[in-house]
Amino acid sequence: MSTTACQVVGFLLSILGLAGCIAATGMDMWSTQDLYDNPVTAVFQYEGLWQSCVRQSSGFTECRPYFTILGLPAMLQAVRALMIVGIVLGVIGILVSIFALKCIRIGSMEDSAKAKMTLTSGIMFIISGTPSVRLCLWAGSLEASR
């Protein structure tokens, strides 16, 4: 496979990874609690990084956003911050990698400069993806241990 094709495939995979990180940040089901077994309160409660929702057995769902930042647990604040940092670094990495693709020519840019930009964007993608993957795995293991 040629270098250009490898770069384009890597670029498309990085866009897909960034989209997954954005989707995971916006999802509401980071933590779930099923209370259908209790006949008094037949509800399904789930919480995300931005809001808490309750679905009753009648099908009615009520979501309440977290209005305060300082009143949230420190763990939730840390997860929010790391996910946002990962998204920002991923966006910067995509912008750098657009200019580093060999199929795009900007002025008289040398191949060594493009190679350095490619390395920089790759490192940024690794740095942006590592906290997101670790946080999702940690949240999954925490949820499984409940």
N, C-alpha and C. Protein backbone atom coordinates (compact mmCIF):
# COMPACT_ATOMS: atom_id res chain seq x y z
N MET A 1 0.84 -1.17 0.00
CA MET A 1 0.00 0.00 0.00
C MET A 1 0.89 1.24 0.00
N SER A 2 0.52 2.20 -0.81
CA SER A 2 1.36 3.38 -0.91
C SER A 2 1.25 4.25 0.34
N THR A 3 2.18 5.16 0.46
CA THR A 3 2.22 6.03 1.63
C THR A 3 0.97 6.91 1.70
N THR A 4 0.54 7.41 0.55
CA THR A 4 -0.63 8.28 0.52
C THR A 4 -1.88 7.53 0.97
N ALA A 5 -2.04 6.30 0.51
CA ALA A 5 -3.20 5.50 0.90
C ALA A 5 -3.17 5.21 2.40
N CYS A 6 -2.00 4.91 2.93
CA CYS A 6 -1.88 4.66 4.38
C CYS A 6 -2.23 5.92 5.17
N GLN A 7 -1.78 7.06 4.70
CA GLN A 7 -2.10 8.30 5.39
C GLN A 7 -3.59 8.61 5.36
N VAL A 8 -4.22 8.39 4.22
CA VAL A 8 -5.65 8.67 4.11
C VAL A 8 -6.46 7.71 4.99
N VAL A 9 -6.07 6.43 5.03
CA VAL A 9 -6.76 5.47 5.89
C VAL A 9 -6.58 5.85 7.36
N GLY A 10 -5.37 6.24 7.74
CA GLY A 10 -5.12 6.69 9.11
C GLY A 10 -5.90 7.94 9.45
N PHE A 11 -6.01 8.86 8.49
CA PHE A 11 -6.78 10.08 8.71
C PHE A 11 -8.26 9.77 8.92
N LEU A 12 -8.80 8.88 8.09
CA LEU A 12 -10.21 8.51 8.23
C LEU A 12 -10.47 7.77 9.55
N LEU A 13 -9.53 6.92 9.97
CA LEU A 13 -9.68 6.23 11.25
C LEU A 13 -9.59 7.20 12.42
N SER A 14 -8.77 8.22 12.28
CA SER A 14 -8.68 9.21 13.37
C SER A 14 -9.97 10.03 13.46
N ILE A 15 -10.58 10.34 12.32
CA ILE A 15 -11.88 11.03 12.36
C ILE A 15 -12.92 10.14 13.00
N LEU A 16 -12.90 8.85 12.68
CA LEU A 16 -13.84 7.91 13.29
C LEU A 16 -13.63 7.81 14.80
N GLY A 17 -12.39 7.78 15.23
CA GLY A 17 -12.09 7.74 16.66
C GLY A 17 -12.52 9.00 17.39
N LEU A 18 -12.33 10.14 16.77
CA LEU A 18 -12.77 11.40 17.38
C LEU A 18 -14.29 11.45 17.47
N ALA A 19 -14.97 10.95 16.45
CA ALA A 19 -16.44 10.91 16.49
C ALA A 19 -16.91 9.99 17.61
N GLY A 20 -16.21 8.87 17.81
CA GLY A 20 -16.56 7.98 18.92
C GLY A 20 -16.34 8.62 20.27
N CYS A 21 -15.28 9.39 20.39
CA CYS A 21 -15.00 10.09 21.65
C CYS A 21 -16.06 11.15 21.93
N ILE A 22 -16.48 11.86 20.90
CA ILE A 22 -17.53 12.87 21.07
C ILE A 22 -18.84 12.19 21.44
N ALA A 23 -19.15 11.07 20.79
CA ALA A 23 -20.39 10.35 21.10
C ALA A 23 -20.38 9.81 22.52
N ALA A 24 -19.25 9.27 22.96
CA ALA A 24 -19.15 8.74 24.32
C ALA A 24 -19.29 9.85 25.35
N THR A 25 -18.78 11.01 25.06
CA THR A 25 -18.89 12.13 25.99
C THR A 25 -20.34 12.59 26.13
N GLY A 26 -21.09 12.54 25.05
CA GLY A 26 -22.47 13.00 25.10
C GLY A 26 -23.48 11.97 25.56
N MET A 27 -23.07 10.70 25.67
CA MET A 27 -24.04 9.66 26.05
C MET A 27 -24.48 9.81 27.50
N ASP A 28 -25.71 9.36 27.75
CA ASP A 28 -26.28 9.46 29.08
C ASP A 28 -26.10 8.21 29.93
N MET A 29 -25.66 7.14 29.38
CA MET A 29 -25.64 5.87 30.12
C MET A 29 -24.23 5.48 30.57
N TRP A 30 -23.56 6.37 31.25
CA TRP A 30 -22.27 6.03 31.84
C TRP A 30 -22.47 5.17 33.07
N SER A 31 -23.57 5.39 33.77
CA SER A 31 -23.88 4.62 34.97
C SER A 31 -25.37 4.30 34.93
N THR A 32 -25.70 3.02 35.11
CA THR A 32 -27.11 2.61 35.07
C THR A 32 -27.47 1.89 36.35
N GLN A 33 -28.74 1.98 36.70
CA GLN A 33 -29.26 1.30 37.88
C GLN A 33 -30.67 0.83 37.54
N ASP A 34 -30.87 -0.48 37.58
CA ASP A 34 -32.16 -1.06 37.23
C ASP A 34 -32.93 -1.38 38.51
N LEU A 35 -34.06 -0.72 38.69
CA LEU A 35 -34.89 -0.94 39.86
C LEU A 35 -36.23 -1.54 39.47
N TYR A 36 -36.29 -2.29 38.34
CA TYR A 36 -37.55 -2.89 37.91
C TYR A 36 -37.99 -4.02 38.84
N ASP A 37 -37.06 -4.61 39.58
CA ASP A 37 -37.42 -5.72 40.47
C ASP A 37 -38.21 -5.25 41.68
N ASN A 38 -38.05 -4.02 42.04
CA ASN A 38 -38.76 -3.47 43.19
C ASN A 38 -40.17 -3.07 42.76
N PRO A 39 -41.21 -3.68 43.33
CA PRO A 39 -42.58 -3.36 42.87
C PRO A 39 -43.04 -1.96 43.26
N VAL A 40 -42.42 -1.36 44.26
CA VAL A 40 -42.83 -0.02 44.68
C VAL A 40 -42.30 1.03 43.72
N THR A 41 -41.04 0.93 43.33
CA THR A 41 -40.42 1.89 42.42
C THR A 41 -39.88 1.15 41.20
N ALA A 42 -40.69 0.95 40.20
CA ALA A 42 -40.26 0.27 38.98
C ALA A 42 -39.68 1.31 38.02
N VAL A 43 -38.41 1.63 38.23
CA VAL A 43 -37.75 2.65 37.43
C VAL A 43 -36.39 2.14 36.96
N PHE A 44 -35.91 2.79 35.92
CA PHE A 44 -34.57 2.54 35.38
C PHE A 44 -33.85 3.87 35.42
N GLN A 45 -32.79 3.95 36.21
CA GLN A 45 -32.07 5.21 36.40
C GLN A 45 -30.73 5.11 35.70
N TYR A 46 -30.39 6.15 34.95
CA TYR A 46 -29.09 6.19 34.29
C TYR A 46 -28.54 7.61 34.34
N GLU A 47 -27.22 7.68 34.41
CA GLU A 47 -26.53 8.96 34.55
C GLU A 47 -25.42 9.07 33.53
N GLY A 48 -25.25 10.28 33.04
CA GLY A 48 -24.17 10.57 32.12
C GLY A 48 -23.25 11.62 32.72
N LEU A 49 -22.42 12.19 31.88
CA LEU A 49 -21.52 13.24 32.34
C LEU A 49 -22.22 14.58 32.46
N TRP A 50 -23.37 14.72 31.80
CA TRP A 50 -24.02 16.02 31.72
C TRP A 50 -25.41 16.04 32.35
N GLN A 51 -26.05 14.87 32.52
CA GLN A 51 -27.38 14.85 33.08
C GLN A 51 -27.70 13.49 33.68
N SER A 52 -28.74 13.48 34.50
CA SER A 52 -29.21 12.27 35.16
C SER A 52 -30.66 12.03 34.70
N CYS A 53 -30.98 10.79 34.33
CA CYS A 53 -32.30 10.48 33.79
C CYS A 53 -32.93 9.33 34.56
N VAL A 54 -34.26 9.33 34.60
CA VAL A 54 -35.04 8.27 35.22
C VAL A 54 -36.13 7.89 34.25
N ARG A 55 -36.22 6.58 33.93
CA ARG A 55 -37.29 6.08 33.07
C ARG A 55 -38.19 5.19 33.89
N GLN A 56 -39.45 5.50 33.92
CA GLN A 56 -40.40 4.73 34.71
C GLN A 56 -40.97 3.59 33.87
N SER A 57 -41.65 2.67 34.55
CA SER A 57 -42.22 1.53 33.84
C SER A 57 -43.32 1.93 32.87
N SER A 58 -43.90 3.10 33.06
CA SER A 58 -44.93 3.58 32.15
C SER A 58 -44.34 4.10 30.84
N GLY A 59 -43.02 4.23 30.78
CA GLY A 59 -42.36 4.73 29.58
C GLY A 59 -41.97 6.19 29.65
N PHE A 60 -42.38 6.87 30.69
CA PHE A 60 -42.07 8.28 30.88
C PHE A 60 -40.61 8.43 31.31
N THR A 61 -39.88 9.30 30.63
CA THR A 61 -38.47 9.55 30.96
C THR A 61 -38.31 11.01 31.37
N GLU A 62 -37.62 11.20 32.47
CA GLU A 62 -37.34 12.55 32.96
C GLU A 62 -35.84 12.71 33.12
N CYS A 63 -35.30 13.72 32.47
CA CYS A 63 -33.86 13.99 32.55
C CYS A 63 -33.64 15.36 33.19
N ARG A 64 -32.65 15.40 34.06
CA ARG A 64 -32.29 16.65 34.72
C ARG A 64 -30.79 16.91 34.52
N PRO A 65 -30.49 18.03 33.88
CA PRO A 65 -29.06 18.33 33.68
C PRO A 65 -28.41 18.74 35.00
N TYR A 66 -27.10 18.54 35.06
CA TYR A 66 -26.34 19.00 36.21
C TYR A 66 -26.10 20.49 36.04
N PHE A 67 -26.71 21.30 36.92
CA PHE A 67 -26.62 22.74 36.76
C PHE A 67 -25.36 23.32 37.38
N THR A 68 -24.78 22.64 38.34
CA THR A 68 -23.60 23.17 39.02
C THR A 68 -22.39 22.32 38.68
N ILE A 69 -21.27 22.95 38.68
CA ILE A 69 -20.02 22.22 38.45
C ILE A 69 -19.36 21.87 39.77
N LEU A 70 -19.41 22.80 40.70
CA LEU A 70 -18.72 22.60 41.97
C LEU A 70 -19.43 21.59 42.87
N GLY A 71 -20.72 21.37 42.67
CA GLY A 71 -21.46 20.43 43.51
C GLY A 71 -21.33 18.99 43.06
N LEU A 72 -20.69 18.75 41.93
CA LEU A 72 -20.54 17.39 41.41
C LEU A 72 -19.38 16.68 42.09
N PRO A 73 -19.42 15.35 42.12
CA PRO A 73 -18.28 14.62 42.68
C PRO A 73 -17.00 14.90 41.89
N ALA A 74 -15.89 14.84 42.57
CA ALA A 74 -14.59 15.13 41.93
C ALA A 74 -14.30 14.17 40.80
N MET A 75 -14.72 12.93 40.94
CA MET A 75 -14.47 11.94 39.90
C MET A 75 -15.20 12.32 38.61
N LEU A 76 -16.44 12.78 38.73
CA LEU A 76 -17.20 13.18 37.55
C LEU A 76 -16.59 14.41 36.90
N GLN A 77 -16.12 15.34 37.70
CA GLN A 77 -15.46 16.52 37.15
C GLN A 77 -14.18 16.14 36.40
N ALA A 78 -13.43 15.20 36.94
CA ALA A 78 -12.19 14.76 36.30
C ALA A 78 -12.48 14.05 34.98
N VAL A 79 -13.51 13.21 34.97
CA VAL A 79 -13.86 12.50 33.74
C VAL A 79 -14.31 13.49 32.68
N ARG A 80 -15.13 14.45 33.06
CA ARG A 80 -15.56 15.48 32.12
C ARG A 80 -14.36 16.21 31.53
N ALA A 81 -13.47 16.65 32.39
CA ALA A 81 -12.31 17.43 31.93
C ALA A 81 -11.42 16.61 31.00
N LEU A 82 -11.16 15.37 31.35
CA LEU A 82 -10.28 14.55 30.51
C LEU A 82 -10.92 14.23 29.16
N MET A 83 -12.22 14.02 29.13
CA MET A 83 -12.89 13.76 27.85
C MET A 83 -12.85 15.01 26.97
N ILE A 84 -13.06 16.17 27.56
CA ILE A 84 -13.01 17.41 26.78
C ILE A 84 -11.60 17.68 26.28
N VAL A 85 -10.61 17.44 27.11
CA VAL A 85 -9.21 17.61 26.68
C VAL A 85 -8.89 16.65 25.53
N GLY A 86 -9.37 15.41 25.63
CA GLY A 86 -9.17 14.46 24.55
C GLY A 86 -9.81 14.91 23.25
N ILE A 87 -11.00 15.47 23.32
CA ILE A 87 -11.67 15.96 22.11
C ILE A 87 -10.92 17.13 21.51
N VAL A 88 -10.48 18.06 22.35
CA VAL A 88 -9.76 19.24 21.84
C VAL A 88 -8.44 18.82 21.19
N LEU A 89 -7.70 17.91 21.83
CA LEU A 89 -6.45 17.45 21.23
C LEU A 89 -6.70 16.68 19.93
N GLY A 90 -7.79 15.93 19.87
CA GLY A 90 -8.14 15.21 18.65
C GLY A 90 -8.46 16.16 17.51
N VAL A 91 -9.18 17.23 17.80
CA VAL A 91 -9.49 18.22 16.76
C VAL A 91 -8.22 18.90 16.27
N ILE A 92 -7.34 19.26 17.19
CA ILE A 92 -6.07 19.87 16.79
C ILE A 92 -5.24 18.89 15.97
N GLY A 93 -5.24 17.61 16.38
CA GLY A 93 -4.53 16.59 15.63
C GLY A 93 -5.07 16.42 14.22
N ILE A 94 -6.39 16.50 14.07
CA ILE A 94 -6.98 16.41 12.73
C ILE A 94 -6.57 17.60 11.87
N LEU A 95 -6.59 18.80 12.46
CA LEU A 95 -6.17 19.98 11.71
C LEU A 95 -4.71 19.88 11.27
N VAL A 96 -3.87 19.39 12.14
CA VAL A 96 -2.45 19.24 11.78
C VAL A 96 -2.29 18.16 10.71
N SER A 97 -3.03 17.06 10.86
CA SER A 97 -2.86 15.96 9.90
C SER A 97 -3.43 16.29 8.53
N ILE A 98 -4.40 17.21 8.45
CA ILE A 98 -4.88 17.62 7.12
C ILE A 98 -3.75 18.24 6.32
N PHE A 99 -2.97 19.09 6.96
CA PHE A 99 -1.86 19.74 6.26
C PHE A 99 -0.67 18.82 6.07
N ALA A 100 -0.64 17.71 6.81
CA ALA A 100 0.49 16.79 6.70
C ALA A 100 0.28 15.71 5.64
N LEU A 101 -0.92 15.59 5.09
CA LEU A 101 -1.17 14.57 4.07
C LEU A 101 -0.34 14.85 2.82
N LYS A 102 0.20 13.77 2.24
CA LYS A 102 1.04 13.94 1.06
C LYS A 102 0.24 14.36 -0.16
N CYS A 103 -1.06 14.06 -0.16
CA CYS A 103 -1.88 14.40 -1.33
C CYS A 103 -2.27 15.87 -1.36
N ILE A 104 -1.96 16.61 -0.30
CA ILE A 104 -2.26 18.04 -0.24
C ILE A 104 -0.95 18.82 -0.30
N ARG A 105 -0.86 19.71 -1.27
CA ARG A 105 0.34 20.55 -1.43
C ARG A 105 0.02 21.98 -1.03
N ILE A 106 0.83 22.53 -0.15
CA ILE A 106 0.67 23.91 0.27
C ILE A 106 2.00 24.61 0.02
N GLY A 107 2.01 25.45 -0.98
CA GLY A 107 3.23 26.17 -1.31
C GLY A 107 4.36 25.22 -1.67
N SER A 108 5.53 25.47 -1.14
CA SER A 108 6.69 24.63 -1.41
C SER A 108 7.13 23.93 -0.13
N MET A 109 6.20 23.26 0.52
CA MET A 109 6.50 22.58 1.77
C MET A 109 7.31 21.32 1.48
N GLU A 110 8.39 21.14 2.21
CA GLU A 110 9.26 19.99 2.00
C GLU A 110 8.68 18.73 2.64
N ASP A 111 9.15 17.60 2.17
CA ASP A 111 8.67 16.32 2.70
C ASP A 111 9.09 16.12 4.15
N SER A 112 10.23 16.67 4.54
CA SER A 112 10.66 16.51 5.94
C SER A 112 9.73 17.27 6.88
N ALA A 113 9.24 18.43 6.45
CA ALA A 113 8.28 19.19 7.27
C ALA A 113 6.97 18.43 7.37
N LYS A 114 6.53 17.82 6.27
CA LYS A 114 5.30 17.02 6.31
C LYS A 114 5.48 15.80 7.20
N ALA A 115 6.66 15.21 7.19
CA ALA A 115 6.91 14.04 8.05
C ALA A 115 6.84 14.44 9.53
N LYS A 116 7.40 15.59 9.86
CA LYS A 116 7.33 16.07 11.25
C LYS A 116 5.90 16.38 11.65
N MET A 117 5.12 16.95 10.74
CA MET A 117 3.72 17.23 11.03
C MET A 117 2.93 15.93 11.21
N THR A 118 3.24 14.93 10.40
CA THR A 118 2.57 13.63 10.54
C THR A 118 2.89 13.00 11.88
N LEU A 119 4.14 13.05 12.28
CA LEU A 119 4.53 12.52 13.58
C LEU A 119 3.84 13.28 14.72
N THR A 120 3.79 14.60 14.60
CA THR A 120 3.14 15.42 15.62
C THR A 120 1.65 15.08 15.73
N SER A 121 0.98 14.95 14.60
CA SER A 121 -0.45 14.63 14.65
C SER A 121 -0.68 13.22 15.18
N GLY A 122 0.19 12.28 14.85
CA GLY A 122 0.06 10.93 15.39
C GLY A 122 0.22 10.91 16.90
N ILE A 123 1.19 11.65 17.41
CA ILE A 123 1.39 11.73 18.86
C ILE A 123 0.18 12.39 19.52
N MET A 124 -0.36 13.41 18.88
CA MET A 124 -1.55 14.07 19.45
C MET A 124 -2.75 13.13 19.48
N PHE A 125 -2.90 12.29 18.45
CA PHE A 125 -4.00 11.32 18.45
C PHE A 125 -3.82 10.28 19.55
N ILE A 126 -2.60 9.85 19.77
CA ILE A 126 -2.35 8.88 20.84
C ILE A 126 -2.63 9.51 22.20
N ILE A 127 -2.18 10.75 22.38
CA ILE A 127 -2.41 11.43 23.66
C ILE A 127 -3.90 11.71 23.87
N SER A 128 -4.63 12.05 22.80
CA SER A 128 -6.06 12.34 22.95
C SER A 128 -6.89 11.08 23.13
N GLY A 129 -6.48 9.98 22.55
CA GLY A 129 -7.26 8.75 22.65
C GLY A 129 -7.02 7.97 23.92
N THR A 130 -5.85 8.07 24.49
CA THR A 130 -5.52 7.28 25.68
C THR A 130 -6.43 7.59 26.87
N PRO A 131 -6.66 8.85 27.24
CA PRO A 131 -7.57 9.08 28.37
C PRO A 131 -8.99 8.64 28.08
N SER A 132 -9.44 8.82 26.85
CA SER A 132 -10.81 8.44 26.52
C SER A 132 -11.02 6.94 26.65
N VAL A 133 -10.08 6.17 26.12
CA VAL A 133 -10.20 4.72 26.21
C VAL A 133 -10.09 4.26 27.66
N ARG A 134 -9.16 4.81 28.39
CA ARG A 134 -9.00 4.41 29.80
C ARG A 134 -10.22 4.77 30.63
N LEU A 135 -10.79 5.96 30.40
CA LEU A 135 -11.97 6.35 31.16
C LEU A 135 -13.17 5.48 30.83
N CYS A 136 -13.34 5.15 29.57
CA CYS A 136 -14.46 4.27 29.20
C CYS A 136 -14.28 2.88 29.79
N LEU A 137 -13.08 2.35 29.76
CA LEU A 137 -12.82 1.04 30.37
C LEU A 137 -13.00 1.09 31.88
N TRP A 138 -12.55 2.16 32.49
CA TRP A 138 -12.70 2.30 33.94
C TRP A 138 -14.17 2.40 34.33
N ALA A 139 -14.95 3.19 33.58
CA ALA A 139 -16.37 3.32 33.88
C ALA A 139 -17.09 1.99 33.68
N GLY A 140 -16.70 1.23 32.67
CA GLY A 140 -17.30 -0.08 32.44
C GLY A 140 -16.98 -1.06 33.55
N SER A 141 -15.73 -1.05 34.00
CA SER A 141 -15.37 -1.97 35.08
C SER A 141 -16.02 -1.56 36.40
N LEU A 142 -16.16 -0.26 36.62
CA LEU A 142 -16.84 0.22 37.82
C LEU A 142 -18.31 -0.17 37.81
N GLU A 143 -18.91 -0.07 36.64
CA GLU A 143 -20.33 -0.44 36.50
C GLU A 143 -20.52 -1.95 36.64
N ALA A 144 -19.59 -2.73 36.15
CA ALA A 144 -19.70 -4.18 36.25
C ALA A 144 -19.50 -4.66 37.69
N SER A 145 -18.74 -3.92 38.47
CA SER A 145 -18.49 -4.34 39.86
C SER A 145 -19.63 -3.99 40.79
N ARG A 146 -20.60 -3.19 40.34
CA ARG A 146 -21.74 -2.82 41.20
C ARG A 146 -22.65 -3.96 41.44
